[in-house]
C-alpha atoms as a PDB file:
ATOM      1  CA  MET A   1    -117.792-124.943 105.610  1.00  0.00           C
ATOM      2  CA  LEU A   2    -119.208-121.334 105.374  1.00  0.00           C
ATOM      3  CA  GLU A   3    -116.566-118.046 105.028  1.00  0.00           C
ATOM      4  CA  ILE A   4    -116.072-114.651 106.138  1.00  0.00           C
ATOM      5  CA  THR A   5    -113.661-112.043 105.898  1.00  0.00           C
ATOM      6  CA  ALA A   6    -111.826-110.147 108.487  1.00  0.00           C
ATOM      7  CA  ASN A   7    -113.858-107.509 106.626  1.00  0.00           C
ATOM      8  CA  GLU A   8    -116.655-108.914 106.683  1.00  0.00           C
ATOM      9  CA  ILE A   9    -116.517-108.813 110.511  1.00  0.00           C
ATOM     10  CA  LYS A  10    -115.054-105.643 110.513  1.00  0.00           C
ATOM     11  CA  THR A  11    -117.978-103.682 108.510  1.00  0.00           C
ATOM     12  CA  LYS A  12    -120.549-105.929 109.866  1.00  0.00           C
ATOM     13  CA  GLY A  13    -120.120-106.581 113.315  1.00  0.00           C
ATOM     14  CA  ILE A  14    -120.900-109.673 115.606  1.00  0.00           C
ATOM     15  CA  SER A  15    -124.155-109.546 112.746  1.00  0.00           C
ATOM     16  CA  SER A  16    -121.781-111.202 110.108  1.00  0.00           C
ATOM     17  CA  LEU A  17    -122.009-114.424 112.017  1.00  0.00           C
ATOM     18  CA  ASP A  18    -125.517-114.861 111.795  1.00  0.00           C
ATOM     19  CA  ILE A  19    -124.980-117.146 108.963  1.00  0.00           C
ATOM     20  CA  ILE A  20    -123.916-119.894 111.078  1.00  0.00           C
ATOM     21  CA  ASN A  21    -126.608-121.777 111.823  1.00  0.00           C
ATOM     22  CA  ASP A  22    -128.670-123.761 115.321  1.00  0.00           C
ATOM     23  CA  ASP A  23    -127.452-127.161 112.870  1.00  0.00           C
ATOM     24  CA  GLY A  24    -123.973-126.711 113.834  1.00  0.00           C
ATOM     25  CA  ASP A  25    -122.095-125.503 110.588  1.00  0.00           C
ATOM     26  CA  ASP A  26    -118.919-124.037 110.891  1.00  0.00           C
ATOM     27  CA  ALA A  27    -117.513-120.625 109.946  1.00  0.00           C
ATOM     28  CA  VAL A  28    -113.805-119.870 108.392  1.00  0.00           C
ATOM     29  CA  ILE A  29    -112.999-116.993 109.060  1.00  0.00           C
ATOM     30  CA  THR A  30    -110.074-115.645 106.950  1.00  0.00           C
ATOM     31  CA  VAL A  31    -107.221-112.952 106.854  1.00  0.00           C
ATOM     32  CA  LYS A  32    -105.894-112.089 103.931  1.00  0.00           C
ATOM     33  CA  GLY A  33    -106.668-114.613 102.137  1.00  0.00           C
ATOM     34  CA  LYS A  34    -106.152-117.006 104.311  1.00  0.00           C
ATOM     35  CA  LYS A  35    -108.163-119.052 106.660  1.00  0.00           C
ATOM     36  CA  LYS A  36    -107.161-118.210 110.467  1.00  0.00           C
ATOM     37  CA  TYR A  37    -109.997-118.964 112.511  1.00  0.00           C
ATOM     38  CA  VAL A  38    -112.813-121.142 112.972  1.00  0.00           C
ATOM     39  CA  VAL A  39    -116.149-120.550 114.204  1.00  0.00           C
ATOM     40  CA  ILE A  40    -118.426-122.654 115.475  1.00  0.00           C
ATOM     41  CA  PRO A  41    -121.835-122.643 118.081  1.00  0.00           C
ATOM     42  CA  ILE A  42    -121.697-123.028 121.592  1.00  0.00           C
ATOM     43  CA  GLU A  43    -123.205-126.568 121.390  1.00  0.00           C
ATOM     44  CA  LYS A  44    -120.520-128.369 118.714  1.00  0.00           C
ATOM     45  CA  TYR A  45    -117.427-126.564 120.551  1.00  0.00           C
ATOM     46  CA  SER A  46    -119.179-128.415 124.212  1.00  0.00           C
ATOM     47  CA  LYS A  47    -119.312-131.780 122.487  1.00  0.00           C
ATOM     48  CA  ILE A  48    -115.605-131.273 120.899  1.00  0.00           C
ATOM     49  CA  ARG A  49    -114.743-130.231 125.126  1.00  0.00           C
ATOM     50  CA  GLU A  50    -116.685-133.384 126.003  1.00  0.00           C
ATOM     51  CA  LEU A  51    -115.189-135.922 123.611  1.00  0.00           C
ATOM     52  CA  GLU A  52    -111.807-134.462 124.496  1.00  0.00           C
ATOM     53  CA  LEU A  53    -112.422-134.809 128.626  1.00  0.00           C
ATOM     54  CA  GLU A  54    -113.200-138.455 127.597  1.00  0.00           C
ATOM     55  CA  LEU A  55    -110.589-139.220 125.296  1.00  0.00           C
ATOM     56  CA  ALA A  56    -108.139-137.526 128.696  1.00  0.00           C
ATOM     57  CA  VAL A  57    -109.477-140.480 130.583  1.00  0.00           C
ATOM     58  CA  LYS A  58    -109.043-143.095 127.968  1.00  0.00           C
ATOM     59  CA  GLU A  59    -105.772-142.472 127.795  1.00  0.00           C
ATOM     60  CA  VAL A  60    -105.008-141.791 131.675  1.00  0.00           C
ATOM     61  CA  LYS A  61    -106.854-145.467 132.194  1.00  0.00           C
ATOM     62  CA  ASP A  62    -104.558-147.230 129.274  1.00  0.00           C
ATOM     63  CA  ASP A  63    -101.726-145.808 131.066  1.00  0.00           C
ATOM     64  CA  ILE A  64    -102.965-147.175 134.516  1.00  0.00           C
ATOM     65  CA  ALA A  65    -103.574-150.396 132.970  1.00  0.00           C
ATOM     66  CA  SER A  66    -100.264-151.215 131.175  1.00  0.00           C
ATOM     67  CA  GLY A  67     -98.468-149.590 134.612  1.00  0.00           C
ATOM     68  CA  ARG A  68     -97.703-146.456 132.856  1.00  0.00           C
ATOM     69  CA  PHE A  69     -97.724-144.516 135.839  1.00  0.00           C
ATOM     70  CA  TYR A  70     -96.139-143.703 138.833  1.00  0.00           C
ATOM     71  CA  SER A  71     -97.124-144.758 142.156  1.00  0.00           C
ATOM     72  CA  SER A  72     -96.037-141.754 144.547  1.00  0.00           C
ATOM     73  CA  VAL A  73     -95.006-138.104 144.101  1.00  0.00           C
ATOM     74  CA  LYS A  74     -91.816-138.459 145.239  1.00  0.00           C
ATOM     75  CA  LYS A  75     -90.975-140.416 142.631  1.00  0.00           C
ATOM     76  CA  HIS A  76     -92.699-138.593 139.970  1.00  0.00           C
ATOM     77  CA  LEU A  77     -90.848-135.746 140.694  1.00  0.00           C
ATOM     78  CA  LYS A  78     -87.225-137.945 140.529  1.00  0.00           C
ATOM     79  CA  LYS A  79     -87.887-138.841 137.432  1.00  0.00           C
ATOM     80  CA  VAL A  80     -89.028-135.289 135.815  1.00  0.00           C
ATOM     81  CA  ALA A  81     -85.510-133.982 137.761  1.00  0.00           C
ATOM     82  CA  ASN A  82     -83.650-136.700 135.963  1.00  0.00           C
ATOM     83  CA  VAL A  83     -84.583-135.659 132.637  1.00  0.00           C
END
């Protein structure tokens, strides 16, 4: 993973991110020597979001299949209010 310092971004601007190529390389931005942020190409970000949504759908389907759901909003609100 590539590393870019916050100071590089401050001095070079957005051009400091040009080292990230379209092949999906990631870059870590360090602030005062500590890893703080990750920059990834938009295509990779979109794929990650898609996978997160697929996982969420799978979890909901698993909950429904296991009976871990409320059949009405009223029942759900009653449960939430009692917590």
